[in-house]
Amino acid sequence: MTNFQEYLDQALKTVEIPSESNEVSAPEYDVFSEISAQLIDARNNSGITQKELAQKTGLTQALISRIESGKSHPTIDTLKRIADGLGLRLVVSLEDFEGGEEE
C-alpha cells in the first residue's frame, strides 16, 4: 500500500457523515481486526507458516503478513484463497452485535 493510500485511509476515518433521523446506529467495531485475529488463529492451528500459506494460495508472504497485521484489507476473493489454503470454508454472515440491542 502506498503512503498516499495510507494517508487517505487515515483521513477518511475522521470524516463525519451526518446521520438522518431514521438511520439505525451501530456500535463501532473493526471488522478487519476480527478477520486478522481469525486468520492468525486458523493459520497457527493449521501449524503452517505465512510462507507455507503463501505457497499454497499463490499469494505473497508479504501480503499475508500485511493482512494479519491489519495493514491491508483483504477482498473476499483473497479471503477465499486463504481459507482454501488452510483447508477451511469461508463463511460470511451478518450478526447482531454482542451485548444486546441498541436503544
N, C-alpha and C. Protein backbone atom coordinates (compact mmCIF):
# COMPACT_ATOMS: atom_id res chain seq x y z
N MET A 1 0.86 -1.17 0.00
CA MET A 1 0.00 0.00 0.00
C MET A 1 0.90 1.23 0.00
N THR A 2 0.50 2.23 -0.73
CA THR A 2 1.31 3.44 -0.84
C THR A 2 1.07 4.36 0.35
N ASN A 3 2.01 5.27 0.54
CA ASN A 3 1.84 6.26 1.62
C ASN A 3 0.61 7.10 1.37
N PHE A 4 0.34 7.41 0.10
CA PHE A 4 -0.85 8.19 -0.22
C PHE A 4 -2.12 7.44 0.16
N GLN A 5 -2.15 6.13 -0.12
CA GLN A 5 -3.32 5.33 0.24
C GLN A 5 -3.49 5.29 1.76
N GLU A 6 -2.38 5.15 2.48
CA GLU A 6 -2.45 5.15 3.94
C GLU A 6 -2.96 6.49 4.45
N TYR A 7 -2.50 7.57 3.81
CA TYR A 7 -2.98 8.90 4.18
C TYR A 7 -4.48 9.01 3.97
N LEU A 8 -4.95 8.55 2.80
CA LEU A 8 -6.39 8.60 2.51
C LEU A 8 -7.18 7.77 3.51
N ASP A 9 -6.70 6.56 3.78
CA ASP A 9 -7.40 5.70 4.74
C ASP A 9 -7.52 6.38 6.09
N GLN A 10 -6.44 7.01 6.55
CA GLN A 10 -6.45 7.69 7.85
C GLN A 10 -7.37 8.91 7.80
N ALA A 11 -7.29 9.68 6.73
CA ALA A 11 -8.10 10.89 6.61
C ALA A 11 -9.59 10.55 6.56
N LEU A 12 -9.94 9.47 5.87
CA LEU A 12 -11.35 9.11 5.75
C LEU A 12 -11.93 8.60 7.07
N LYS A 13 -11.07 8.14 7.96
CA LYS A 13 -11.55 7.70 9.28
C LYS A 13 -12.11 8.87 10.08
N THR A 14 -11.66 10.09 9.79
CA THR A 14 -12.08 11.25 10.56
C THR A 14 -13.26 11.99 9.95
N VAL A 15 -13.70 11.54 8.77
CA VAL A 15 -14.82 12.20 8.11
C VAL A 15 -16.11 11.84 8.83
N GLU A 16 -16.88 12.85 9.17
CA GLU A 16 -18.16 12.61 9.82
C GLU A 16 -19.27 12.80 8.79
N ILE A 17 -20.12 11.81 8.69
CA ILE A 17 -21.25 11.87 7.78
C ILE A 17 -22.50 12.09 8.62
N PRO A 18 -23.23 13.18 8.33
CA PRO A 18 -24.43 13.43 9.13
C PRO A 18 -25.43 12.29 8.98
N SER A 19 -25.99 11.87 10.08
CA SER A 19 -26.96 10.79 10.01
C SER A 19 -28.37 11.37 9.94
N GLU A 20 -29.20 10.62 9.26
CA GLU A 20 -30.60 11.02 9.19
C GLU A 20 -31.33 10.43 10.39
N SER A 21 -32.43 11.00 10.75
CA SER A 21 -33.13 10.59 11.96
C SER A 21 -33.64 9.16 11.90
N ASN A 22 -33.83 8.60 10.72
CA ASN A 22 -34.37 7.25 10.64
C ASN A 22 -33.27 6.19 10.48
N GLU A 23 -32.00 6.58 10.52
CA GLU A 23 -30.92 5.61 10.40
C GLU A 23 -30.72 4.88 11.73
N VAL A 24 -30.36 3.62 11.64
CA VAL A 24 -30.05 2.82 12.81
C VAL A 24 -28.56 2.95 13.09
N SER A 25 -28.22 3.32 14.30
CA SER A 25 -26.79 3.42 14.63
C SER A 25 -26.31 2.10 15.21
N ALA A 26 -25.08 1.78 14.93
CA ALA A 26 -24.48 0.55 15.43
C ALA A 26 -23.21 0.89 16.17
N PRO A 27 -22.87 0.10 17.16
CA PRO A 27 -21.62 0.36 17.87
C PRO A 27 -20.44 0.21 16.92
N GLU A 28 -19.37 0.93 17.21
CA GLU A 28 -18.17 0.86 16.40
C GLU A 28 -17.47 -0.48 16.64
N TYR A 29 -16.97 -1.06 15.58
CA TYR A 29 -16.12 -2.23 15.68
C TYR A 29 -15.26 -2.29 14.44
N ASP A 30 -14.14 -2.97 14.55
CA ASP A 30 -13.21 -3.07 13.44
C ASP A 30 -13.24 -4.49 12.89
N VAL A 31 -13.97 -4.66 11.80
CA VAL A 31 -14.12 -5.98 11.20
C VAL A 31 -12.77 -6.52 10.74
N PHE A 32 -11.86 -5.64 10.31
CA PHE A 32 -10.57 -6.12 9.83
C PHE A 32 -9.70 -6.65 10.97
N SER A 33 -9.87 -6.14 12.18
CA SER A 33 -9.17 -6.70 13.34
C SER A 33 -9.69 -8.10 13.63
N GLU A 34 -11.00 -8.28 13.48
CA GLU A 34 -11.59 -9.60 13.69
C GLU A 34 -11.08 -10.59 12.65
N ILE A 35 -11.03 -10.15 11.39
CA ILE A 35 -10.54 -11.01 10.31
C ILE A 35 -9.09 -11.38 10.58
N SER A 36 -8.28 -10.39 10.94
CA SER A 36 -6.87 -10.61 11.20
C SER A 36 -6.67 -11.66 12.30
N ALA A 37 -7.39 -11.49 13.40
CA ALA A 37 -7.26 -12.43 14.52
C ALA A 37 -7.68 -13.84 14.12
N GLN A 38 -8.75 -13.94 13.35
CA GLN A 38 -9.21 -15.26 12.91
C GLN A 38 -8.21 -15.92 11.97
N LEU A 39 -7.61 -15.13 11.08
CA LEU A 39 -6.62 -15.69 10.16
C LEU A 39 -5.39 -16.20 10.91
N ILE A 40 -4.92 -15.40 11.86
CA ILE A 40 -3.75 -15.81 12.64
C ILE A 40 -4.05 -17.11 13.39
N ASP A 41 -5.21 -17.15 14.05
CA ASP A 41 -5.60 -18.36 14.79
C ASP A 41 -5.70 -19.58 13.86
N ALA A 42 -6.36 -19.40 12.73
CA ALA A 42 -6.55 -20.51 11.80
C ALA A 42 -5.21 -21.00 11.25
N ARG A 43 -4.32 -20.08 10.91
CA ARG A 43 -3.01 -20.47 10.39
C ARG A 43 -2.20 -21.18 11.47
N ASN A 44 -2.20 -20.64 12.68
CA ASN A 44 -1.46 -21.28 13.78
C ASN A 44 -2.03 -22.65 14.11
N ASN A 45 -3.36 -22.77 14.09
CA ASN A 45 -4.00 -24.07 14.36
C ASN A 45 -3.67 -25.09 13.27
N SER A 46 -3.43 -24.60 12.06
CA SER A 46 -3.05 -25.49 10.96
C SER A 46 -1.58 -25.86 11.03
N GLY A 47 -0.83 -25.14 11.85
CA GLY A 47 0.59 -25.45 12.04
C GLY A 47 1.46 -25.08 10.85
N ILE A 48 1.04 -24.05 10.10
CA ILE A 48 1.86 -23.65 8.95
C ILE A 48 2.31 -22.20 9.10
N THR A 49 3.39 -21.88 8.42
CA THR A 49 3.94 -20.53 8.47
C THR A 49 3.27 -19.67 7.41
N GLN A 50 3.50 -18.38 7.49
CA GLN A 50 2.99 -17.47 6.46
C GLN A 50 3.55 -17.86 5.09
N LYS A 51 4.82 -18.22 5.07
CA LYS A 51 5.46 -18.61 3.80
C LYS A 51 4.79 -19.84 3.21
N GLU A 52 4.52 -20.84 4.04
CA GLU A 52 3.84 -22.05 3.56
C GLU A 52 2.44 -21.74 3.06
N LEU A 53 1.74 -20.85 3.78
CA LEU A 53 0.39 -20.46 3.34
C LEU A 53 0.47 -19.72 2.01
N ALA A 54 1.46 -18.88 1.86
CA ALA A 54 1.65 -18.15 0.60
C ALA A 54 1.84 -19.13 -0.56
N GLN A 55 2.64 -20.15 -0.34
CA GLN A 55 2.87 -21.14 -1.38
C GLN A 55 1.59 -21.89 -1.74
N LYS A 56 0.77 -22.18 -0.75
CA LYS A 56 -0.48 -22.92 -1.00
C LYS A 56 -1.53 -22.06 -1.71
N THR A 57 -1.48 -20.75 -1.51
CA THR A 57 -2.52 -19.87 -2.02
C THR A 57 -2.13 -19.11 -3.28
N GLY A 58 -0.82 -19.05 -3.55
CA GLY A 58 -0.37 -18.24 -4.68
C GLY A 58 -0.29 -16.76 -4.34
N LEU A 59 -0.49 -16.43 -3.08
CA LEU A 59 -0.34 -15.05 -2.61
C LEU A 59 1.10 -14.87 -2.13
N THR A 60 1.50 -13.65 -1.90
CA THR A 60 2.84 -13.43 -1.36
C THR A 60 2.80 -13.52 0.16
N GLN A 61 3.93 -13.89 0.73
CA GLN A 61 4.05 -13.92 2.18
C GLN A 61 3.87 -12.51 2.73
N ALA A 62 4.35 -11.52 1.98
CA ALA A 62 4.22 -10.12 2.42
C ALA A 62 2.76 -9.71 2.53
N LEU A 63 1.93 -10.14 1.58
CA LEU A 63 0.50 -9.80 1.64
C LEU A 63 -0.14 -10.47 2.84
N ILE A 64 0.16 -11.71 3.07
CA ILE A 64 -0.41 -12.42 4.23
C ILE A 64 0.01 -11.72 5.51
N SER A 65 1.25 -11.31 5.59
CA SER A 65 1.74 -10.58 6.77
C SER A 65 0.98 -9.27 6.95
N ARG A 66 0.77 -8.53 5.86
CA ARG A 66 0.06 -7.24 5.96
C ARG A 66 -1.40 -7.44 6.38
N ILE A 67 -2.02 -8.50 5.88
CA ILE A 67 -3.41 -8.79 6.29
C ILE A 67 -3.45 -9.13 7.77
N GLU A 68 -2.53 -9.99 8.21
CA GLU A 68 -2.51 -10.40 9.62
C GLU A 68 -2.18 -9.23 10.55
N SER A 69 -1.41 -8.27 10.08
CA SER A 69 -1.05 -7.13 10.93
C SER A 69 -2.07 -5.99 10.82
N GLY A 70 -3.07 -6.15 9.94
CA GLY A 70 -4.09 -5.12 9.78
C GLY A 70 -3.69 -4.00 8.85
N LYS A 71 -2.56 -4.12 8.18
CA LYS A 71 -2.11 -3.07 7.28
C LYS A 71 -2.72 -3.16 5.89
N SER A 72 -3.36 -4.29 5.60
CA SER A 72 -4.01 -4.49 4.31
C SER A 72 -5.39 -5.08 4.56
N HIS A 73 -6.37 -4.61 3.82
CA HIS A 73 -7.73 -5.11 3.94
C HIS A 73 -8.02 -6.06 2.79
N PRO A 74 -8.20 -7.34 3.10
CA PRO A 74 -8.35 -8.33 2.04
C PRO A 74 -9.73 -8.28 1.37
N THR A 75 -9.75 -8.68 0.10
CA THR A 75 -11.02 -8.83 -0.61
C THR A 75 -11.61 -10.18 -0.24
N ILE A 76 -12.85 -10.39 -0.60
CA ILE A 76 -13.49 -11.69 -0.38
C ILE A 76 -12.73 -12.76 -1.15
N ASP A 77 -12.31 -12.45 -2.38
CA ASP A 77 -11.56 -13.42 -3.18
C ASP A 77 -10.27 -13.84 -2.47
N THR A 78 -9.56 -12.87 -1.90
CA THR A 78 -8.32 -13.18 -1.19
C THR A 78 -8.61 -14.02 0.05
N LEU A 79 -9.66 -13.68 0.78
CA LEU A 79 -10.03 -14.48 1.96
C LEU A 79 -10.39 -15.91 1.55
N LYS A 80 -11.07 -16.06 0.42
CA LYS A 80 -11.43 -17.40 -0.07
C LYS A 80 -10.17 -18.20 -0.39
N ARG A 81 -9.19 -17.57 -1.03
CA ARG A 81 -7.94 -18.26 -1.36
C ARG A 81 -7.21 -18.69 -0.08
N ILE A 82 -7.22 -17.82 0.93
CA ILE A 82 -6.57 -18.15 2.20
C ILE A 82 -7.31 -19.30 2.88
N ALA A 83 -8.63 -19.22 2.91
CA ALA A 83 -9.42 -20.30 3.52
C ALA A 83 -9.15 -21.62 2.81
N ASP A 84 -9.14 -21.60 1.48
CA ASP A 84 -8.85 -22.82 0.73
C ASP A 84 -7.46 -23.36 1.07
N GLY A 85 -6.49 -22.47 1.18
CA GLY A 85 -5.13 -22.87 1.52
C GLY A 85 -5.02 -23.48 2.90
N LEU A 86 -5.92 -23.08 3.79
CA LEU A 86 -5.95 -23.63 5.15
C LEU A 86 -6.86 -24.84 5.26
N GLY A 87 -7.51 -25.21 4.15
CA GLY A 87 -8.44 -26.34 4.19
C GLY A 87 -9.73 -26.00 4.91
N LEU A 88 -10.10 -24.71 4.87
CA LEU A 88 -11.30 -24.25 5.56
C LEU A 88 -12.30 -23.69 4.56
N ARG A 89 -13.52 -23.54 5.01
CA ARG A 89 -14.58 -22.94 4.21
C ARG A 89 -14.78 -21.51 4.69
N LEU A 90 -14.81 -20.56 3.76
CA LEU A 90 -15.06 -19.16 4.12
C LEU A 90 -16.56 -18.97 4.31
N VAL A 91 -16.93 -18.41 5.46
CA VAL A 91 -18.33 -18.13 5.76
C VAL A 91 -18.43 -16.66 6.11
N VAL A 92 -19.33 -15.96 5.44
CA VAL A 92 -19.57 -14.55 5.74
C VAL A 92 -20.99 -14.44 6.25
N SER A 93 -21.16 -13.80 7.39
CA SER A 93 -22.51 -13.66 7.95
C SER A 93 -22.68 -12.29 8.58
N LEU A 94 -23.90 -11.86 8.66
CA LEU A 94 -24.26 -10.63 9.35
C LEU A 94 -24.97 -11.03 10.63
N GLU A 95 -24.46 -10.55 11.75
CA GLU A 95 -24.98 -10.97 13.05
C GLU A 95 -25.24 -9.76 13.93
N ASP A 96 -26.07 -9.97 14.95
CA ASP A 96 -26.30 -8.93 15.94
C ASP A 96 -25.01 -8.65 16.69
N PHE A 97 -24.88 -7.40 17.16
CA PHE A 97 -23.73 -7.08 17.99
C PHE A 97 -23.89 -7.78 19.32
N GLU A 98 -22.75 -8.16 19.89
CA GLU A 98 -22.79 -8.79 21.22
C GLU A 98 -23.22 -7.75 22.24
N GLY A 99 -23.89 -8.20 23.26
CA GLY A 99 -24.26 -7.29 24.34
C GLY A 99 -25.67 -6.75 24.24
N GLY A 100 -26.47 -7.28 23.33
CA GLY A 100 -27.87 -6.86 23.29
C GLY A 100 -28.17 -5.83 22.24
N GLU A 101 -29.38 -5.29 22.33
CA GLU A 101 -29.88 -4.36 21.33
C GLU A 101 -29.46 -2.94 21.64
N GLU A 102 -29.30 -2.15 20.61
CA GLU A 102 -29.06 -0.72 20.75
C GLU A 102 -30.37 -0.03 21.06
N GLU A 103 -30.30 0.98 21.88
CA GLU A 103 -31.51 1.75 22.18
C GLU A 103 -31.51 3.05 21.45
